């Protein structure tokens, strides 16, 4: 028993390092603006890992061009997620399941330039930079682990994984506005490389965030007038293809979202917010489906 105690608790089959790479791959969903992943709640994941793999993510972001005369495009995304993996630890011949909670925060910024191809079509290259942090909480299992830890268990018990990302996106932006209706279509490809830095000794990780996204919105008056402006109905369609390390990490390769809602125009008044949209969406893909409600504002 004394020899076993000196060995300390160890995680089996490099599970910790696999999860470190995996959690960065999951973080990659949150660093690119995407309606299909702006709110995800998955009860249990697939793949080769064992135990609980519950995942939750929410995202807040936006972007816009400064003006027609200054065609600089700026975007930003803030996101948070929780991932609940279960590890198998061993001490000699004894093994025990260790539940953990990994909480992630990330922020992404982007700057681009609009190249006008036609009056309604723009080509927009974007440079992106991202920062993220994953902290591990072992309090639920601290009664078992106690002081018998190695570097890998140390990370699970309030450890930290920091990551930065560099990359870019290319976007085609089509805006077709008429008095009776408005059409917006965006086609975007993003490639951002995530890598860990200044993290707990037991882990390092990397991930490639690659995705292609098509987003379309149609707006038209309902015939009602609210706040001295027409109340519009909104129809949306979004489709995302996940490439690189995102592919299959949560059990799906693509997501599609269809939505409908209302848009309130407050521009007749001296207020900061000019439009408010409430949209309900149905999201579906390989082995996954669900509903969400999104609230958006324009300035």
Protein backbone atom coordinates (compact mmCIF):
# COMPACT_ATOMS: atom_id res chain seq x y z
CA UNK A 1 0.00 0.00 0.00
CA UNK A 2 2.89 2.36 0.72
CA UNK A 3 4.37 1.79 -2.76
CA UNK A 4 1.00 2.51 -4.31
CA UNK A 5 0.64 5.75 -2.36
CA UNK A 6 4.01 6.94 -3.59
CA UNK A 7 2.89 6.36 -7.18
CA UNK A 8 -0.04 8.72 -6.73
CA UNK A 9 -3.21 8.84 -8.76
CA UNK A 10 -2.74 8.74 -12.53
CA UNK A 11 -5.11 9.17 -15.46
CA UNK A 12 -5.24 6.21 -17.80
CA UNK A 13 -4.39 6.10 -21.51
CA UNK A 14 -3.39 9.76 -21.87
CA UNK A 15 -7.05 10.66 -21.41
CA UNK A 16 -6.21 14.09 -20.00
CA UNK A 17 -4.17 15.15 -23.04
CA UNK A 18 -6.86 13.90 -25.42
CA UNK A 19 -9.43 15.94 -23.54
CA UNK A 20 -7.13 19.00 -23.54
CA UNK A 21 -7.04 18.89 -27.35
CA UNK A 22 -10.74 18.15 -27.40
CA UNK A 23 -11.74 21.07 -25.20
CA UNK A 24 -9.80 23.44 -27.48
CA UNK A 25 -11.64 21.94 -30.44
CA UNK A 26 -14.90 22.60 -28.61
CA UNK A 27 -13.74 26.15 -27.82
CA UNK A 28 -13.27 26.66 -31.55
CA UNK A 29 -17.08 26.58 -31.94
CA UNK A 30 -17.32 29.73 -29.82
CA UNK A 31 -14.66 31.91 -31.45
CA UNK A 32 -16.36 32.32 -34.85
CA UNK A 33 -19.70 34.21 -35.13
CA UNK A 34 -22.30 31.59 -36.08
CA UNK A 35 -26.04 31.52 -35.38
CA UNK A 36 -26.15 27.70 -35.41
CA UNK A 37 -23.70 27.48 -32.47
CA UNK A 38 -24.63 30.66 -30.60
CA UNK A 39 -26.51 28.52 -28.07
CA UNK A 40 -25.74 24.82 -27.69
CA UNK A 41 -26.78 22.48 -24.89
CA UNK A 42 -25.87 18.82 -25.43
CA UNK A 43 -26.74 16.29 -22.75
CA UNK A 44 -24.15 13.67 -23.70
CA UNK A 45 -21.51 13.48 -26.40
CA UNK A 46 -20.36 10.62 -28.52
CA UNK A 47 -16.92 9.58 -29.60
CA UNK A 48 -14.46 7.17 -27.99
CA UNK A 49 -14.37 8.76 -24.54
CA UNK A 50 -16.20 7.23 -21.62
CA UNK A 51 -18.43 8.73 -18.98
CA UNK A 52 -20.37 11.97 -18.97
CA UNK A 53 -19.66 14.50 -21.71
CA UNK A 54 -22.28 17.17 -21.06
CA UNK A 55 -21.69 20.42 -22.93
CA UNK A 56 -23.27 23.88 -22.82
CA UNK A 57 -22.27 27.00 -24.75
CA UNK A 58 -23.64 30.50 -25.25
CA UNK A 59 -22.30 33.26 -27.49
CA UNK A 60 -22.78 37.02 -27.78
CA UNK A 61 -21.34 38.86 -30.76
CA UNK A 62 -21.79 41.16 -33.69
CA UNK A 63 -20.09 43.06 -36.47
CA UNK A 64 -20.58 45.96 -38.83
CA UNK A 65 -18.86 48.25 -41.31
CA UNK A 66 -18.08 51.73 -39.97
CA UNK A 67 -19.53 53.56 -43.01
CA UNK A 68 -19.54 53.60 -46.80
CA UNK A 69 -16.78 56.21 -46.81
CA UNK A 70 -14.72 54.27 -44.21
CA UNK A 71 -15.20 50.63 -45.25
CA UNK A 72 -13.48 49.13 -42.18
CA UNK A 73 -15.34 46.12 -40.81
CA UNK A 74 -15.15 45.34 -37.07
CA UNK A 75 -16.51 42.28 -35.26
CA UNK A 76 -16.33 40.80 -31.79
CA UNK A 77 -17.53 37.67 -30.01
CA UNK A 78 -17.73 36.79 -26.30
CA UNK A 79 -18.59 33.22 -25.37
CA UNK A 80 -18.77 30.93 -22.37
CA UNK A 81 -19.10 27.17 -22.16
CA UNK A 82 -19.15 24.31 -19.68
CA UNK A 83 -17.86 20.82 -20.45
CA UNK A 84 -18.31 18.00 -17.90
CA UNK A 85 -15.94 15.12 -18.71
CA UNK A 86 -15.48 12.08 -16.47
CA UNK A 87 -11.98 10.62 -16.11
CA UNK A 88 -10.77 7.18 -15.08
CA UNK A 89 -7.93 7.44 -12.55
CA UNK A 90 -5.81 4.60 -11.23
CA UNK A 91 -3.65 3.99 -8.18
CA UNK A 92 -1.97 0.65 -8.55
CA UNK A 93 -4.72 -1.90 -9.17
CA UNK A 94 -7.48 0.44 -8.01
CA UNK A 95 -9.43 2.58 -10.49
CA UNK A 96 -12.02 5.27 -9.81
CA UNK A 97 -14.22 7.55 -11.94
CA UNK A 98 -13.50 11.26 -11.35
CA UNK A 99 -16.20 13.75 -12.48
CA UNK A 100 -14.97 17.24 -13.33
CA UNK A 101 -16.31 20.53 -14.65
CA UNK A 102 -14.35 22.53 -17.23
CA UNK A 103 -15.51 26.13 -17.63
CA UNK A 104 -14.39 28.08 -20.67
CA UNK A 105 -14.41 31.79 -21.53
CA UNK A 106 -13.26 33.17 -24.87
CA UNK A 107 -13.15 36.45 -26.76
CA UNK A 108 -12.54 37.02 -30.46
CA UNK A 109 -11.93 40.23 -32.36
CA UNK A 110 -11.80 40.81 -36.08
CA UNK A 111 -10.91 43.65 -38.40
CA UNK A 112 -11.54 43.64 -42.12
CA UNK A 113 -12.00 45.77 -45.20
CA UNK A 114 -14.95 45.93 -47.60
CA UNK A 115 -14.07 45.70 -51.29
CA UNK A 116 -17.11 46.78 -53.27
CA UNK A 117 -17.70 44.44 -56.23
CA UNK A 118 -21.11 45.86 -57.19
CA UNK A 119 -23.59 48.21 -55.56
CA UNK A 120 -25.01 45.27 -53.58
CA UNK A 121 -22.08 42.83 -53.29
CA UNK A 122 -18.92 43.18 -51.15
CA UNK A 123 -15.86 40.99 -50.65
CA UNK A 124 -14.62 41.19 -47.06
CA UNK A 125 -11.30 39.68 -45.86
CA UNK A 126 -11.03 39.65 -42.05
CA UNK A 127 -8.07 39.16 -39.69
CA UNK A 128 -9.07 37.42 -36.44
CA UNK A 129 -7.40 37.07 -33.04
CA UNK A 130 -8.82 35.07 -30.14
CA UNK A 131 -8.05 34.45 -26.47
CA UNK A 132 -9.53 31.73 -24.29
CA UNK A 133 -9.23 30.15 -20.87
CA UNK A 134 -10.38 26.79 -19.51
CA UNK A 135 -10.46 26.24 -15.74
CA UNK A 136 -10.99 22.85 -14.13
CA UNK A 137 -13.06 22.30 -10.99
CA UNK A 138 -12.57 19.04 -9.09
CA UNK A 139 -14.46 19.98 -5.95
CA UNK A 140 -17.07 17.29 -6.55
CA UNK A 141 -14.38 14.60 -6.30
CA UNK A 142 -11.93 16.22 -3.88
CA UNK A 143 -13.10 13.89 -1.10
CA UNK A 144 -11.46 11.03 -3.00
CA UNK A 145 -8.38 12.62 -4.53
CA UNK A 146 -7.20 14.35 -1.37
CA UNK A 147 -3.47 15.05 -1.40
CA UNK A 148 -2.46 12.00 -3.43
CA UNK A 149 -1.92 13.84 -6.71
CA UNK A 150 0.45 13.99 -9.64
CA UNK A 151 0.65 16.81 -12.20
CA UNK A 152 -2.28 15.47 -14.17
CA UNK A 153 -4.63 15.40 -11.16
CA UNK A 154 -3.28 18.81 -10.15
CA UNK A 155 -4.65 20.21 -13.40
CA UNK A 156 -8.08 18.73 -12.76
CA UNK A 157 -8.14 20.36 -9.32
CA UNK A 158 -8.44 24.09 -10.18
CA UNK A 159 -5.96 23.92 -13.04
CA UNK A 160 -5.99 26.24 -16.04
CA UNK A 161 -5.51 25.97 -19.79
CA UNK A 162 -4.94 29.25 -21.66
CA UNK A 163 -5.13 29.48 -25.45
CA UNK A 164 -4.67 32.04 -28.18
CA UNK A 165 -5.79 31.91 -31.77
CA UNK A 166 -4.72 33.62 -34.97
CA UNK A 167 -6.32 33.34 -38.37
CA UNK A 168 -8.75 34.92 -40.71
CA UNK A 169 -11.99 34.78 -42.62
CA UNK A 170 -13.21 35.66 -46.08
CA UNK A 171 -16.79 36.78 -46.61
CA UNK A 172 -19.11 37.63 -49.49
CA UNK A 173 -21.82 40.05 -48.31
CA UNK A 174 -24.91 40.63 -50.48
CA UNK A 175 -27.41 43.37 -49.48
CA UNK A 176 -30.54 43.83 -51.61
CA UNK A 177 -32.76 46.53 -50.07
CA UNK A 178 -36.05 47.70 -51.56
CA UNK A 179 -38.93 49.76 -50.06
CA UNK A 180 -41.11 46.67 -49.70
CA UNK A 181 -38.53 44.13 -48.47
CA UNK A 182 -34.87 43.57 -47.55
CA UNK A 183 -32.61 40.62 -48.35
CA UNK A 184 -29.23 39.92 -46.70
CA UNK A 185 -26.99 36.98 -47.64
CA UNK A 186 -23.50 36.21 -46.27
CA UNK A 187 -21.16 33.41 -47.30
CA UNK A 188 -18.19 33.01 -44.95
CA UNK A 189 -15.16 30.73 -44.61
CA UNK A 190 -13.09 30.94 -41.41
CA UNK A 191 -9.74 29.39 -40.44
CA UNK A 192 -8.38 30.13 -36.94
CA UNK A 193 -5.56 28.13 -35.26
CA UNK A 194 -5.77 27.71 -31.47
CA UNK A 195 -2.73 26.88 -29.31
CA UNK A 196 -2.27 26.71 -25.55
CA UNK A 197 0.20 28.86 -23.59
CA UNK A 198 1.17 29.50 -19.95
CA UNK A 199 -0.99 26.60 -18.77
CA UNK A 200 -0.80 23.95 -16.05
CA UNK A 201 2.27 21.71 -16.37
CA UNK A 202 0.36 18.55 -17.27
CA UNK A 203 -1.39 19.80 -20.41
CA UNK A 204 -0.85 21.57 -23.67
CA UNK A 205 -3.14 21.55 -26.63
CA UNK A 206 -3.93 22.82 -30.10
CA UNK A 207 -6.92 22.89 -32.43
CA UNK A 208 -7.86 24.12 -35.90
CA UNK A 209 -11.16 25.99 -36.21
CA UNK A 210 -12.33 25.75 -39.80
CA UNK A 211 -15.92 26.29 -40.90
CA UNK A 212 -18.00 27.40 -43.87
CA UNK A 213 -21.27 29.20 -43.23
CA UNK A 214 -24.18 30.45 -45.34
CA UNK A 215 -26.57 32.92 -43.69
CA UNK A 216 -29.65 34.52 -45.26
CA UNK A 217 -32.34 36.86 -43.90
CA UNK A 218 -35.56 38.21 -45.45
CA UNK A 219 -37.45 41.12 -43.85
CA UNK A 220 -40.77 42.64 -44.93
CA UNK A 221 -43.59 44.71 -43.33
CA UNK A 222 -46.41 42.86 -41.58
CA UNK A 223 -48.88 45.66 -42.33
CA UNK A 224 -48.90 46.80 -38.70
CA UNK A 225 -47.36 50.05 -37.45
CA UNK A 226 -45.63 50.13 -34.04
CA UNK A 227 -43.61 53.07 -32.64
CA UNK A 228 -44.47 55.04 -35.82
CA UNK A 229 -42.64 52.50 -38.00
CA UNK A 230 -43.72 49.33 -39.84
CA UNK A 231 -43.49 46.14 -37.79
CA UNK A 232 -41.51 43.64 -39.90
CA UNK A 233 -41.55 39.88 -39.98
CA UNK A 234 -38.19 38.13 -40.31
CA UNK A 235 -37.28 34.83 -41.98
CA UNK A 236 -33.81 33.29 -41.57
CA UNK A 237 -31.82 30.38 -42.94
CA UNK A 238 -28.33 29.37 -41.79
CA UNK A 239 -26.18 26.37 -42.72
CA UNK A 240 -22.73 25.61 -41.29
CA UNK A 241 -20.21 22.98 -42.35
CA UNK A 242 -17.59 22.22 -39.67
CA UNK A 243 -14.13 21.26 -40.85
CA UNK A 244 -10.77 20.72 -39.18
CA UNK A 245 -10.86 19.63 -35.53
CA UNK A 246 -14.48 20.74 -35.15
CA UNK A 247 -15.64 17.97 -37.45
CA UNK A 248 -17.41 15.29 -35.44
CA UNK A 249 -16.10 16.44 -32.04
CA UNK A 250 -19.68 16.86 -30.75
CA UNK A 251 -21.17 14.12 -32.91
CA UNK A 252 -22.11 16.21 -35.97
CA UNK A 253 -20.37 17.66 -39.04
CA UNK A 254 -22.96 20.26 -40.02
CA UNK A 255 -25.87 22.24 -38.58
CA UNK A 256 -28.81 23.95 -40.24
CA UNK A 257 -31.05 26.57 -38.65
CA UNK A 258 -34.38 27.91 -39.87
CA UNK A 259 -36.04 30.77 -38.02
CA UNK A 260 -38.91 33.23 -37.98
CA UNK A 261 -39.64 36.26 -35.87
CA UNK A 262 -40.50 39.95 -35.63
CA UNK A 263 -38.44 43.14 -35.88
CA UNK A 264 -39.36 46.34 -34.07
CA UNK A 265 -38.11 49.64 -35.55
CA UNK A 266 -37.50 52.37 -32.95
CA UNK A 267 -35.62 54.78 -35.24
CA UNK A 268 -38.42 57.37 -35.04
CA UNK A 269 -37.31 58.12 -31.48
CA UNK A 270 -34.06 59.52 -30.09
CA UNK A 271 -32.80 56.20 -28.70
CA UNK A 272 -29.52 54.34 -29.08
CA UNK A 273 -31.12 51.11 -30.34
CA UNK A 274 -32.75 51.48 -33.77
CA UNK A 275 -34.03 47.92 -34.32
CA UNK A 276 -34.85 44.97 -32.05
CA UNK A 277 -35.37 41.44 -33.40
CA UNK A 278 -36.84 38.41 -31.66
CA UNK A 279 -36.38 35.21 -33.66
CA UNK A 280 -37.26 31.61 -32.84
CA UNK A 281 -35.06 28.99 -34.52
CA UNK A 282 -35.14 25.25 -35.13
CA UNK A 283 -31.64 23.78 -35.41
CA UNK A 284 -30.89 20.32 -36.78
CA UNK A 285 -27.96 18.25 -38.02
CA UNK A 286 -26.37 14.81 -37.74
CA UNK A 287 -27.76 13.19 -34.56
CA UNK A 288 -28.86 16.54 -33.10
CA UNK A 289 -31.91 18.83 -33.15
CA UNK A 290 -33.41 21.50 -30.96
CA UNK A 291 -35.02 24.92 -30.59
CA UNK A 292 -33.68 28.31 -29.52
CA UNK A 293 -34.82 31.90 -29.19
CA UNK A 294 -32.50 34.77 -30.15
CA UNK A 295 -32.68 38.46 -29.29
CA UNK A 296 -30.68 40.90 -31.46
CA UNK A 297 -30.41 44.69 -31.63
CA UNK A 298 -29.09 47.14 -34.23
CA UNK A 299 -27.51 50.51 -33.48
